[in-house]
Amino acid sequence: MDGRSKIVIFACFYEPFMSGAELFVKEAVERLAHKYEFTIIAARLDKKLPKFEERDKFKYYRVGLGSKFDKWLYPILASRLAKKLNPDLTHAVMESYAGIAAWLFKSKNKRVPT
């Protein structure tokens, strides 16, 4: 690590499944990547999508089996992965699936702000 704080972003939907909230995340990550080390965790939702990508400005994990049911598995799988990543901070995009993932993560990791 290069001294930047590690931030995990819970976003159940992300590329290629983008809407306004996810576009905001993309813009924020691109503009703040010089200060923070970002990891985005999204639901896989399609078997053709890779489980992991190392992008220029962030790491991108997709969790699940690659089906429409991944959004239901997302809160548990994303919170477990975040625990392994040991972030300094977490942020949830939208309050539904990502919010549940952040809540599950926070319930087991009291020291990490969400």
PDB file of N, CA and C in Angstrom:
ATOM      1  N   MET A   1       0.847  -1.191   0.000  1.00  0.00           N
ATOM      2  CA  MET A   1       0.000   0.000   0.000  1.00  0.00           C
ATOM      3  C   MET A   1       0.879   1.236   0.000  1.00  0.00           C
ATOM      4  N   ASP A   2       0.410   2.311  -0.571  1.00  0.00           N
ATOM      5  CA  ASP A   2       1.203   3.515  -0.747  1.00  0.00           C
ATOM      6  C   ASP A   2       0.849   4.630   0.235  1.00  0.00           C
ATOM      7  N   GLY A   3       0.217   4.314   1.335  1.00  0.00           N
ATOM      8  CA  GLY A   3      -0.120   5.323   2.334  1.00  0.00           C
ATOM      9  C   GLY A   3      -1.508   5.927   2.190  1.00  0.00           C
ATOM     10  N   ARG A   4      -2.184   5.655   1.094  1.00  0.00           N
ATOM     11  CA  ARG A   4      -3.545   6.170   0.928  1.00  0.00           C
ATOM     12  C   ARG A   4      -4.514   5.349   1.773  1.00  0.00           C
ATOM     13  N   SER A   5      -5.524   6.002   2.322  1.00  0.00           N
ATOM     14  CA  SER A   5      -6.569   5.294   3.069  1.00  0.00           C
ATOM     15  C   SER A   5      -7.365   4.417   2.115  1.00  0.00           C
ATOM     16  N   LYS A   6      -7.758   3.227   2.605  1.00  0.00           N
ATOM     17  CA  LYS A   6      -8.518   2.276   1.793  1.00  0.00           C
ATOM     18  C   LYS A   6     -10.016   2.476   2.026  1.00  0.00           C
ATOM     19  N   ILE A   7     -10.738   2.696   0.939  1.00  0.00           N
ATOM     20  CA  ILE A   7     -12.183   2.889   0.998  1.00  0.00           C
ATOM     21  C   ILE A   7     -12.864   1.808   0.166  1.00  0.00           C
ATOM     22  N   VAL A   8     -13.804   1.099   0.790  1.00  0.00           N
ATOM     23  CA  VAL A   8     -14.634   0.129   0.072  1.00  0.00           C
ATOM     24  C   VAL A   8     -15.991   0.773  -0.176  1.00  0.00           C
ATOM     25  N   ILE A   9     -16.422   0.726  -1.427  1.00  0.00           N
ATOM     26  CA  ILE A   9     -17.737   1.245  -1.794  1.00  0.00           C
ATOM     27  C   ILE A   9     -18.649   0.063  -2.105  1.00  0.00           C
ATOM     28  N   PHE A  10     -19.741  -0.033  -1.347  1.00  0.00           N
ATOM     29  CA  PHE A  10     -20.772  -1.033  -1.607  1.00  0.00           C
ATOM     30  C   PHE A  10     -21.738  -0.444  -2.635  1.00  0.00           C
ATOM     31  N   ALA A  11     -21.762  -1.021  -3.826  1.00  0.00           N
ATOM     32  CA  ALA A  11     -22.675  -0.574  -4.877  1.00  0.00           C
ATOM     33  C   ALA A  11     -23.227  -1.830  -5.536  1.00  0.00           C
ATOM     34  N   CYS A  12     -24.399  -2.251  -5.151  1.00  0.00           N
ATOM     35  CA  CYS A  12     -24.955  -3.506  -5.669  1.00  0.00           C
ATOM     36  C   CYS A  12     -24.909  -3.528  -7.193  1.00  0.00           C
ATOM     37  N   PHE A  13     -25.159  -2.409  -7.805  1.00  0.00           N
ATOM     38  CA  PHE A  13     -25.118  -2.309  -9.265  1.00  0.00           C
ATOM     39  C   PHE A  13     -23.997  -1.361  -9.661  1.00  0.00           C
ATOM     40  N   TYR A  14     -23.201  -1.780 -10.624  1.00  0.00           N
ATOM     41  CA  TYR A  14     -22.133  -0.950 -11.179  1.00  0.00           C
ATOM     42  C   TYR A  14     -21.882  -1.454 -12.590  1.00  0.00           C
ATOM     43  N   GLU A  15     -20.907  -0.941 -13.263  1.00  0.00           N
ATOM     44  CA  GLU A  15     -20.683  -1.284 -14.672  1.00  0.00           C
ATOM     45  C   GLU A  15     -20.823  -2.779 -14.921  1.00  0.00           C
ATOM     46  N   PRO A  16     -21.599  -3.159 -15.898  1.00  0.00           N
ATOM     47  CA  PRO A  16     -22.251  -2.355 -16.931  1.00  0.00           C
ATOM     48  C   PRO A  16     -23.680  -1.922 -16.586  1.00  0.00           C
ATOM     49  N   PHE A  17     -24.104  -2.118 -15.367  1.00  0.00           N
ATOM     50  CA  PHE A  17     -25.469  -1.781 -14.946  1.00  0.00           C
ATOM     51  C   PHE A  17     -25.456  -0.445 -14.208  1.00  0.00           C
ATOM     52  N   MET A  18     -25.430   0.655 -14.951  1.00  0.00           N
ATOM     53  CA  MET A  18     -25.229   1.975 -14.360  1.00  0.00           C
ATOM     54  C   MET A  18     -26.500   2.819 -14.397  1.00  0.00           C
ATOM     55  N   SER A  19     -26.655   3.632 -13.342  1.00  0.00           N
ATOM     56  CA  SER A  19     -27.689   4.665 -13.310  1.00  0.00           C
ATOM     57  C   SER A  19     -27.046   5.907 -12.701  1.00  0.00           C
ATOM     58  N   GLY A  20     -27.832   6.851 -12.279  1.00  0.00           N
ATOM     59  CA  GLY A  20     -27.297   8.113 -11.779  1.00  0.00           C
ATOM     60  C   GLY A  20     -26.402   7.987 -10.561  1.00  0.00           C
ATOM     61  N   ALA A  21     -26.809   7.198  -9.582  1.00  0.00           N
ATOM     62  CA  ALA A  21     -26.010   7.048  -8.361  1.00  0.00           C
ATOM     63  C   ALA A  21     -24.657   6.416  -8.667  1.00  0.00           C
ATOM     64  N   GLU A  22     -24.650   5.434  -9.552  1.00  0.00           N
ATOM     65  CA  GLU A  22     -23.407   4.765  -9.906  1.00  0.00           C
ATOM     66  C   GLU A  22     -22.499   5.677 -10.728  1.00  0.00           C
ATOM     67  N   LEU A  23     -23.086   6.518 -11.554  1.00  0.00           N
ATOM     68  CA  LEU A  23     -22.282   7.495 -12.301  1.00  0.00           C
ATOM     69  C   LEU A  23     -21.613   8.478 -11.348  1.00  0.00           C
ATOM     70  N   PHE A  24     -22.321   8.851 -10.290  1.00  0.00           N
ATOM     71  CA  PHE A  24     -21.723   9.723  -9.280  1.00  0.00           C
ATOM     72  C   PHE A  24     -20.506   9.051  -8.642  1.00  0.00           C
ATOM     73  N   VAL A  25     -20.640   7.765  -8.310  1.00  0.00           N
ATOM     74  CA  VAL A  25     -19.520   7.021  -7.718  1.00  0.00           C
ATOM     75  C   VAL A  25     -18.336   7.006  -8.676  1.00  0.00           C
ATOM     76  N   LYS A  26     -18.606   6.733  -9.937  1.00  0.00           N
ATOM     77  CA  LYS A  26     -17.533   6.688 -10.940  1.00  0.00           C
ATOM     78  C   LYS A  26     -16.783   8.018 -10.994  1.00  0.00           C
ATOM     79  N   GLU A  27     -17.518   9.105 -11.036  1.00  0.00           N
ATOM     80  CA  GLU A  27     -16.893  10.433 -11.081  1.00  0.00           C
ATOM     81  C   GLU A  27     -16.097  10.726  -9.812  1.00  0.00           C
ATOM     82  N   ALA A  28     -16.671  10.413  -8.665  1.00  0.00           N
ATOM     83  CA  ALA A  28     -15.986  10.673  -7.390  1.00  0.00           C
ATOM     84  C   ALA A  28     -14.698   9.867  -7.283  1.00  0.00           C
ATOM     85  N   VAL A  29     -14.759   8.591  -7.652  1.00  0.00           N
ATOM     86  CA  VAL A  29     -13.571   7.734  -7.580  1.00  0.00           C
ATOM     87  C   VAL A  29     -12.486   8.252  -8.514  1.00  0.00           C
ATOM     88  N   GLU A  30     -12.858   8.614  -9.729  1.00  0.00           N
ATOM     89  CA  GLU A  30     -11.869   9.116 -10.684  1.00  0.00           C
ATOM     90  C   GLU A  30     -11.197  10.392 -10.185  1.00  0.00           C
ATOM     91  N   ARG A  31     -11.935  11.234  -9.510  1.00  0.00           N
ATOM     92  CA  ARG A  31     -11.376  12.505  -9.043  1.00  0.00           C
ATOM     93  C   ARG A  31     -10.605  12.398  -7.736  1.00  0.00           C
ATOM     94  N   LEU A  32     -10.887  11.369  -6.932  1.00  0.00           N
ATOM     95  CA  LEU A  32     -10.248  11.244  -5.616  1.00  0.00           C
ATOM     96  C   LEU A  32      -9.228  10.110  -5.524  1.00  0.00           C
ATOM     97  N   ALA A  33      -9.004   9.400  -6.612  1.00  0.00           N
ATOM     98  CA  ALA A  33      -8.109   8.233  -6.584  1.00  0.00           C
ATOM     99  C   ALA A  33      -6.673   8.592  -6.220  1.00  0.00           C
ATOM    100  N   HIS A  34      -6.270   9.817  -6.440  1.00  0.00           N
ATOM    101  CA  HIS A  34      -4.905  10.210  -6.063  1.00  0.00           C
ATOM    102  C   HIS A  34      -4.748  10.310  -4.546  1.00  0.00           C
ATOM    103  N   LYS A  35      -5.857  10.435  -3.820  1.00  0.00           N
ATOM    104  CA  LYS A  35      -5.820  10.556  -2.354  1.00  0.00           C
ATOM    105  C   LYS A  35      -6.201   9.274  -1.629  1.00  0.00           C
ATOM    106  N   TYR A  36      -7.032   8.435  -2.263  1.00  0.00           N
ATOM    107  CA  TYR A  36      -7.573   7.247  -1.601  1.00  0.00           C
ATOM    108  C   TYR A  36      -7.437   6.019  -2.496  1.00  0.00           C
ATOM    109  N   GLU A  37      -7.328   4.865  -1.862  1.00  0.00           N
ATOM    110  CA  GLU A  37      -7.309   3.589  -2.582  1.00  0.00           C
ATOM    111  C   GLU A  37      -8.725   3.022  -2.548  1.00  0.00           C
ATOM    112  N   PHE A  38      -9.399   3.008  -3.691  1.00  0.00           N
ATOM    113  CA  PHE A  38     -10.799   2.601  -3.768  1.00  0.00           C
ATOM    114  C   PHE A  38     -10.962   1.156  -4.220  1.00  0.00           C
ATOM    115  N   THR A  39     -11.942   0.499  -3.621  1.00  0.00           N
ATOM    116  CA  THR A  39     -12.407  -0.809  -4.066  1.00  0.00           C
ATOM    117  C   THR A  39     -13.923  -0.739  -4.143  1.00  0.00           C
ATOM    118  N   ILE A  40     -14.468  -1.134  -5.277  1.00  0.00           N
ATOM    119  CA  ILE A  40     -15.918  -1.170  -5.460  1.00  0.00           C
ATOM    120  C   ILE A  40     -16.351  -2.631  -5.462  1.00  0.00           C
ATOM    121  N   ILE A  41     -17.378  -2.928  -4.674  1.00  0.00           N
ATOM    122  CA  ILE A  41     -17.940  -4.278  -4.639  1.00  0.00           C
ATOM    123  C   ILE A  41     -19.373  -4.202  -5.166  1.00  0.00           C
ATOM    124  N   ALA A  42     -19.640  -4.941  -6.240  1.00  0.00           N
ATOM    125  CA  ALA A  42     -20.968  -4.965  -6.859  1.00  0.00           C
ATOM    126  C   ALA A  42     -21.436  -6.412  -7.009  1.00  0.00           C
ATOM    127  N   ALA A  43     -22.704  -6.579  -7.330  1.00  0.00           N
ATOM    128  CA  ALA A  43     -23.236  -7.912  -7.637  1.00  0.00           C
ATOM    129  C   ALA A  43     -22.809  -8.285  -9.052  1.00  0.00           C
ATOM    130  N   ARG A  44     -22.526  -9.547  -9.273  1.00  0.00           N
ATOM    131  CA  ARG A  44     -22.046 -10.001 -10.584  1.00  0.00           C
ATOM    132  C   ARG A  44     -23.160  -9.969 -11.631  1.00  0.00           C
ATOM    133  N   LEU A  45     -24.297 -10.575 -11.356  1.00  0.00           N
ATOM    134  CA  LEU A  45     -25.513 -10.514 -12.179  1.00  0.00           C
ATOM    135  C   LEU A  45     -25.426 -11.144 -13.568  1.00  0.00           C
ATOM    136  N   ASP A  46     -24.246 -11.489 -14.051  1.00  0.00           N
ATOM    137  CA  ASP A  46     -24.085 -12.092 -15.377  1.00  0.00           C
ATOM    138  C   ASP A  46     -22.819 -12.945 -15.363  1.00  0.00           C
ATOM    139  N   LYS A  47     -22.941 -14.208 -15.728  1.00  0.00           N
ATOM    140  CA  LYS A  47     -21.799 -15.131 -15.690  1.00  0.00           C
ATOM    141  C   LYS A  47     -20.658 -14.709 -16.607  1.00  0.00           C
ATOM    142  N   LYS A  48     -20.957 -13.916 -17.604  1.00  0.00           N
ATOM    143  CA  LYS A  48     -19.924 -13.469 -18.545  1.00  0.00           C
ATOM    144  C   LYS A  48     -19.016 -12.398 -17.942  1.00  0.00           C
ATOM    145  N   LEU A  49     -19.454 -11.776 -16.869  1.00  0.00           N
ATOM    146  CA  LEU A  49     -18.660 -10.709 -16.254  1.00  0.00           C
ATOM    147  C   LEU A  49     -17.590 -11.305 -15.341  1.00  0.00           C
ATOM    148  N   PRO A  50     -16.392 -10.731 -15.347  1.00  0.00           N
ATOM    149  CA  PRO A  50     -15.330 -11.244 -14.474  1.00  0.00           C
ATOM    150  C   PRO A  50     -15.631 -10.965 -13.006  1.00  0.00           C
ATOM    151  N   LYS A  51     -15.078 -11.802 -12.138  1.00  0.00           N
ATOM    152  CA  LYS A  51     -15.267 -11.612 -10.697  1.00  0.00           C
ATOM    153  C   LYS A  51     -14.381 -10.499 -10.152  1.00  0.00           C
ATOM    154  N   PHE A  52     -13.283 -10.214 -10.836  1.00  0.00           N
ATOM    155  CA  PHE A  52     -12.361  -9.172 -10.367  1.00  0.00           C
ATOM    156  C   PHE A  52     -11.741  -8.450 -11.557  1.00  0.00           C
ATOM    157  N   GLU A  53     -11.603  -7.137 -11.403  1.00  0.00           N
ATOM    158  CA  GLU A  53     -10.889  -6.317 -12.386  1.00  0.00           C
ATOM    159  C   GLU A  53     -10.028  -5.312 -11.635  1.00  0.00           C
ATOM    160  N   GLU A  54      -8.829  -5.132 -12.117  1.00  0.00           N
ATOM    161  CA  GLU A  54      -7.956  -4.076 -11.588  1.00  0.00           C
ATOM    162  C   GLU A  54      -8.029  -2.948 -12.604  1.00  0.00           C
ATOM    163  N   ARG A  55      -8.714  -1.890 -12.254  1.00  0.00           N
ATOM    164  CA  ARG A  55      -8.858  -0.734 -13.140  1.00  0.00           C
ATOM    165  C   ARG A  55      -7.739   0.266 -12.848  1.00  0.00           C
ATOM    166  N   ASP A  56      -7.649   1.306 -13.652  1.00  0.00           N
ATOM    167  CA  ASP A  56      -6.611   2.321 -13.440  1.00  0.00           C
ATOM    168  C   ASP A  56      -6.726   2.985 -12.077  1.00  0.00           C
ATOM    169  N   LYS A  57      -7.947   3.284 -11.658  1.00  0.00           N
ATOM    170  CA  LYS A  57      -8.139   4.082 -10.446  1.00  0.00           C
ATOM    171  C   LYS A  57      -8.762   3.320  -9.286  1.00  0.00           C
ATOM    172  N   PHE A  58      -9.154   2.074  -9.501  1.00  0.00           N
ATOM    173  CA  PHE A  58      -9.782   1.309  -8.419  1.00  0.00           C
ATOM    174  C   PHE A  58      -9.761  -0.182  -8.729  1.00  0.00           C
ATOM    175  N   LYS A  59     -10.035  -0.966  -7.693  1.00  0.00           N
ATOM    176  CA  LYS A  59     -10.225  -2.407  -7.840  1.00  0.00           C
ATOM    177  C   LYS A  59     -11.728  -2.652  -7.854  1.00  0.00           C
ATOM    178  N   TYR A  60     -12.149  -3.607  -8.663  1.00  0.00           N
ATOM    179  CA  TYR A  60     -13.574  -3.846  -8.853  1.00  0.00           C
ATOM    180  C   TYR A  60     -13.873  -5.336  -8.684  1.00  0.00           C
ATOM    181  N   TYR A  61     -14.609  -5.654  -7.622  1.00  0.00           N
ATOM    182  CA  TYR A  61     -15.032  -7.028  -7.358  1.00  0.00           C
ATOM    183  C   TYR A  61     -16.513  -7.161  -7.676  1.00  0.00           C
ATOM    184  N   ARG A  62     -16.866  -8.282  -8.299  1.00  0.00           N
ATOM    185  CA  ARG A  62     -18.271  -8.635  -8.500  1.00  0.00           C
ATOM    186  C   ARG A  62     -18.513  -9.929  -7.734  1.00  0.00           C
ATOM    187  N   VAL A  63     -19.502  -9.920  -6.863  1.00  0.00           N
ATOM    188  CA  VAL A  63     -19.786 -11.096  -6.041  1.00  0.00           C
ATOM    189  C   VAL A  63     -21.079 -11.761  -6.502  1.00  0.00           C
ATOM    190  N   GLY A  64     -21.141 -13.061  -6.323  1.00  0.00           N
ATOM    191  CA  GLY A  64     -22.336 -13.807  -6.681  1.00  0.00           C
ATOM    192  C   GLY A  64     -22.056 -14.851  -7.737  1.00  0.00           C
ATOM    193  N   LEU A  65     -23.126 -15.461  -8.208  1.00  0.00           N
ATOM    194  CA  LEU A  65     -23.050 -16.576  -9.147  1.00  0.00           C
ATOM    195  C   LEU A  65     -23.170 -16.148 -10.605  1.00  0.00           C
ATOM    196  N   GLY A  66     -23.518 -14.909 -10.822  1.00  0.00           N
ATOM    197  CA  GLY A  66     -23.726 -14.445 -12.187  1.00  0.00           C
ATOM    198  C   GLY A  66     -25.164 -14.610 -12.636  1.00  0.00           C
ATOM    199  N   SER A  67     -26.102 -14.388 -11.714  1.00  0.00           N
ATOM    200  CA  SER A  67     -27.525 -14.499 -12.055  1.00  0.00           C
ATOM    201  C   SER A  67     -28.296 -13.349 -11.414  1.00  0.00           C
ATOM    202  N   LYS A  68     -29.581 -13.270 -11.750  1.00  0.00           N
ATOM    203  CA  LYS A  68     -30.411 -12.198 -11.203  1.00  0.00           C
ATOM    204  C   LYS A  68     -30.581 -12.314  -9.688  1.00  0.00           C
ATOM    205  N   PHE A  69     -30.289 -13.483  -9.133  1.00  0.00           N
ATOM    206  CA  PHE A  69     -30.414 -13.681  -7.684  1.00  0.00           C
ATOM    207  C   PHE A  69     -29.238 -13.098  -6.901  1.00  0.00           C
ATOM    208  N   ASP A  70     -28.214 -12.660  -7.609  1.00  0.00           N
ATOM    209  CA  ASP A  70     -27.033 -12.107  -6.937  1.00  0.00           C
ATOM    210  C   ASP A  70     -27.366 -10.891  -6.074  1.00  0.00           C
ATOM    211  N   LYS A  71     -28.377 -10.127  -6.483  1.00  0.00           N
ATOM    212  CA  LYS A  71     -28.737  -8.960  -5.669  1.00  0.00           C
ATOM    213  C   LYS A  71     -29.218  -9.381  -4.283  1.00  0.00           C
ATOM    214  N   TRP A  72     -29.793 -10.581  -4.168  1.00  0.00           N
ATOM    215  CA  TRP A  72     -30.250 -11.072  -2.863  1.00  0.00           C
ATOM    216  C   TRP A  72     -29.082 -11.600  -2.032  1.00  0.00           C
ATOM    217  N   LEU A  73     -28.089 -12.161  -2.692  1.00  0.00           N
ATOM    218  CA  LEU A  73     -26.890 -12.662  -2.005  1.00  0.00           C
ATOM    219  C   LEU A  73     -25.914 -11.534  -1.679  1.00  0.00           C
ATOM    220  N   TYR A  74     -26.056 -10.436  -2.403  1.00  0.00           N
ATOM    221  CA  TYR A  74     -25.094  -9.335  -2.321  1.00  0.00           C
ATOM    222  C   TYR A  74     -24.784  -8.849  -0.903  1.00  0.00           C
ATOM    223  N   PRO A  75     -25.763  -8.548  -0.066  1.00  0.00           N
ATOM    224  CA  PRO A  75     -25.416  -8.010   1.259  1.00  0.00           C
ATOM    225  C   PRO A  75     -24.469  -8.914   2.053  1.00  0.00           C
ATOM    226  N   ILE A  76     -24.705 -10.206   2.018  1.00  0.00           N
ATOM    227  CA  ILE A  76     -23.859 -11.135   2.778  1.00  0.00           C
ATOM    228  C   ILE A  76     -22.492 -11.280   2.122  1.00  0.00           C
ATOM    229  N   LEU A  77     -22.472 -11.522   0.815  1.00  0.00           N
ATOM    230  CA  LEU A  77     -21.201 -11.737   0.119  1.00  0.00           C
ATOM    231  C   LEU A  77     -20.327 -10.484   0.117  1.00  0.00           C
ATOM    232  N   ALA A  78     -20.943  -9.332  -0.083  1.00  0.00           N
ATOM    233  CA  ALA A  78     -20.173  -8.084  -0.114  1.00  0.00           C
ATOM    234  C   ALA A  78     -19.592  -7.748   1.257  1.00  0.00           C
ATOM    235  N   SER A  79     -20.372  -7.948   2.315  1.00  0.00           N
ATOM    236  CA  SER A  79     -19.855  -7.637   3.654  1.00  0.00           C
ATOM    237  C   SER A  79     -18.721  -8.583   4.034  1.00  0.00           C
ATOM    238  N   ARG A  80     -18.810  -9.848   3.632  1.00  0.00           N
ATOM    239  CA  ARG A  80     -17.718 -10.802   3.906  1.00  0.00           C
ATOM    240  C   ARG A  80     -16.443 -10.416   3.162  1.00  0.00           C
ATOM    241  N   LEU A  81     -16.588 -10.038   1.906  1.00  0.00           N
ATOM    242  CA  LEU A  81     -15.417  -9.626   1.128  1.00  0.00           C
ATOM    243  C   LEU A  81     -14.800  -8.366   1.716  1.00  0.00           C
ATOM    244  N   ALA A  82     -15.628  -7.409   2.095  1.00  0.00           N
ATOM    245  CA  ALA A  82     -15.108  -6.170   2.678  1.00  0.00           C
ATOM    246  C   ALA A  82     -14.300  -6.455   3.937  1.00  0.00           C
ATOM    247  N   LYS A  83     -14.754  -7.388   4.742  1.00  0.00           N
ATOM    248  CA  LYS A  83     -14.013  -7.742   5.958  1.00  0.00           C
ATOM    249  C   LYS A  83     -12.611  -8.223   5.602  1.00  0.00           C
ATOM    250  N   LYS A  84     -12.488  -9.036   4.548  1.00  0.00           N
ATOM    251  CA  LYS A  84     -11.176  -9.526   4.110  1.00  0.00           C
ATOM    252  C   LYS A  84     -10.292  -8.396   3.590  1.00  0.00           C
ATOM    253  N   LEU A  85     -10.903  -7.377   3.008  1.00  0.00           N
ATOM    254  CA  LEU A  85     -10.148  -6.261   2.436  1.00  0.00           C
ATOM    255  C   LEU A  85      -9.645  -5.287   3.493  1.00  0.00           C
ATOM    256  N   ASN A  86     -10.232  -5.337   4.686  1.00  0.00           N
ATOM    257  CA  ASN A  86      -9.796  -4.515   5.818  1.00  0.00           C
ATOM    258  C   ASN A  86      -9.712  -3.013   5.487  1.00  0.00           C
ATOM    259  N   PRO A  87     -10.833  -2.401   5.102  1.00  0.00           N
ATOM    260  CA  PRO A  87     -10.808  -0.985   4.724  1.00  0.00           C
ATOM    261  C   PRO A  87     -10.723  -0.051   5.929  1.00  0.00           C
ATOM    262  N   ASP A  88     -10.339   1.186   5.647  1.00  0.00           N
ATOM    263  CA  ASP A  88     -10.350   2.238   6.662  1.00  0.00           C
ATOM    264  C   ASP A  88     -11.726   2.894   6.748  1.00  0.00           C
ATOM    265  N   LEU A  89     -12.487   2.801   5.654  1.00  0.00           N
ATOM    266  CA  LEU A  89     -13.799   3.443   5.566  1.00  0.00           C
ATOM    267  C   LEU A  89     -14.645   2.667   4.563  1.00  0.00           C
ATOM    268  N   THR A  90     -15.952   2.601   4.803  1.00  0.00           N
ATOM    269  CA  THR A  90     -16.863   2.024   3.814  1.00  0.00           C
ATOM    270  C   THR A  90     -17.955   3.034   3.490  1.00  0.00           C
ATOM    271  N   HIS A  91     -18.516   2.897   2.291  1.00  0.00           N
ATOM    272  CA  HIS A  91     -19.607   3.770   1.870  1.00  0.00           C
ATOM    273  C   HIS A  91     -20.603   2.937   1.070  1.00  0.00           C
ATOM    274  N   ALA A  92     -21.886   3.102   1.338  1.00  0.00           N
ATOM    275  CA  ALA A  92     -22.935   2.382   0.611  1.00  0.00           C
ATOM    276  C   ALA A  92     -23.631   3.318  -0.366  1.00  0.00           C
ATOM    277  N   VAL A  93     -23.800   2.845  -1.606  1.00  0.00           N
ATOM    278  CA  VAL A  93     -24.520   3.591  -2.628  1.00  0.00           C
ATOM    279  C   VAL A  93     -25.949   3.074  -2.641  1.00  0.00           C
ATOM    280  N   MET A  94     -26.889   3.945  -2.373  1.00  0.00           N
ATOM    281  CA  MET A  94     -28.301   3.601  -2.250  1.00  0.00           C
ATOM    282  C   MET A  94     -28.510   2.840  -0.937  1.00  0.00           C
ATOM    283  N   GLU A  95     -29.705   2.870  -0.445  1.00  0.00           N
ATOM    284  CA  GLU A  95     -29.949   2.316   0.892  1.00  0.00           C
ATOM    285  C   GLU A  95     -30.388   0.860   0.890  1.00  0.00           C
ATOM    286  N   SER A  96     -30.723   0.305  -0.232  1.00  0.00           N
ATOM    287  CA  SER A  96     -31.268  -1.057  -0.232  1.00  0.00           C
ATOM    288  C   SER A  96     -30.192  -2.117  -0.038  1.00  0.00           C
ATOM    289  N   TYR A  97     -29.792  -2.799  -1.079  1.00  0.00           N
ATOM    290  CA  TYR A  97     -28.853  -3.914  -0.955  1.00  0.00           C
ATOM    291  C   TYR A  97     -27.500  -3.454  -0.419  1.00  0.00           C
ATOM    292  N   ALA A  98     -26.993  -2.355  -0.936  1.00  0.00           N
ATOM    293  CA  ALA A  98     -25.694  -1.851  -0.480  1.00  0.00           C
ATOM    294  C   ALA A  98     -25.774  -1.382   0.969  1.00  0.00           C
ATOM    295  N   GLY A  99     -26.879  -0.778   1.345  1.00  0.00           N
ATOM    296  CA  GLY A  99     -27.058  -0.349   2.730  1.00  0.00           C
ATOM    297  C   GLY A  99     -27.074  -1.521   3.693  1.00  0.00           C
ATOM    298  N   ILE A 100     -27.701  -2.607   3.292  1.00  0.00           N
ATOM    299  CA  ILE A 100     -27.712  -3.815   4.133  1.00  0.00           C
ATOM    300  C   ILE A 100     -26.306  -4.381   4.249  1.00  0.00           C
ATOM    301  N   ALA A 101     -25.553  -4.388   3.145  1.00  0.00           N
ATOM    302  CA  ALA A 101     -24.164  -4.871   3.184  1.00  0.00           C
ATOM    303  C   ALA A 101     -23.332  -4.028   4.142  1.00  0.00           C
ATOM    304  N   ALA A 102     -23.493  -2.708   4.086  1.00  0.00           N
ATOM    305  CA  ALA A 102     -22.746  -1.826   4.991  1.00  0.00           C
ATOM    306  C   ALA A 102     -23.149  -2.081   6.442  1.00  0.00           C
ATOM    307  N   TRP A 103     -24.432  -2.274   6.687  1.00  0.00           N
ATOM    308  CA  TRP A 103     -24.905  -2.547   8.047  1.00  0.00           C
ATOM    309  C   TRP A 103     -24.336  -3.866   8.570  1.00  0.00           C
ATOM    310  N   LEU A 104     -24.351  -4.914   7.734  1.00  0.00           N
ATOM    311  CA  LEU A 104     -23.777  -6.203   8.147  1.00  0.00           C
ATOM    312  C   LEU A 104     -22.285  -6.069   8.435  1.00  0.00           C
ATOM    313  N   PHE A 105     -21.585  -5.354   7.574  1.00  0.00           N
ATOM    314  CA  PHE A 105     -20.151  -5.144   7.780  1.00  0.00           C
ATOM    315  C   PHE A 105     -19.911  -4.390   9.085  1.00  0.00           C
ATOM    316  N   LYS A 106     -20.663  -3.331   9.307  1.00  0.00           N
ATOM    317  CA  LYS A 106     -20.488  -2.497  10.506  1.00  0.00           C
ATOM    318  C   LYS A 106     -20.793  -3.283  11.777  1.00  0.00           C
ATOM    319  N   SER A 107     -21.752  -4.188  11.727  1.00  0.00           N
ATOM    320  CA  SER A 107     -22.114  -4.948  12.924  1.00  0.00           C
ATOM    321  C   SER A 107     -20.972  -5.839  13.409  1.00  0.00           C
ATOM    322  N   LYS A 108     -20.056  -6.180  12.518  1.00  0.00           N
ATOM    323  CA  LYS A 108     -18.925  -7.034  12.892  1.00  0.00           C
ATOM    324  C   LYS A 108     -17.590  -6.282  12.916  1.00  0.00           C
ATOM    325  N   ASN A 109     -17.581  -5.030  12.484  1.00  0.00           N
ATOM    326  CA  ASN A 109     -16.346  -4.247  12.380  1.00  0.00           C
ATOM    327  C   ASN A 109     -16.574  -2.854  12.951  1.00  0.00           C
ATOM    328  N   LYS A 110     -16.632  -2.763  14.231  1.00  0.00           N
ATOM    329  CA  LYS A 110     -16.993  -1.511  14.905  1.00  0.00           C
ATOM    330  C   LYS A 110     -16.001  -0.376  14.651  1.00  0.00           C
ATOM    331  N   ARG A 111     -14.741  -0.704  14.388  1.00  0.00           N
ATOM    332  CA  ARG A 111     -13.729   0.336  14.264  1.00  0.00           C
ATOM    333  C   ARG A 111     -13.763   1.070  12.923  1.00  0.00           C
ATOM    334  N   VAL A 112     -14.472   0.531  11.930  1.00  0.00           N
ATOM    335  CA  VAL A 112     -14.456   1.115  10.595  1.00  0.00           C
ATOM    336  C   VAL A 112     -15.678   2.003  10.394  1.00  0.00           C
ATOM    337  N   PRO A 113     -15.472   3.304  10.113  1.00  0.00           N
ATOM    338  CA  PRO A 113     -16.613   4.188   9.856  1.00  0.00           C
ATOM    339  C   PRO A 113     -17.331   3.801   8.564  1.00  0.00           C
ATOM    340  N   THR A 114     -18.651   3.934   8.580  1.00  0.00           N
ATOM    341  CA  THR A 114     -19.426   3.670   7.363  1.00  0.00           C
ATOM    342  C   THR A 114     -20.260   4.879   7.031  1.00  0.00           C
TER     343      THR A 114
END
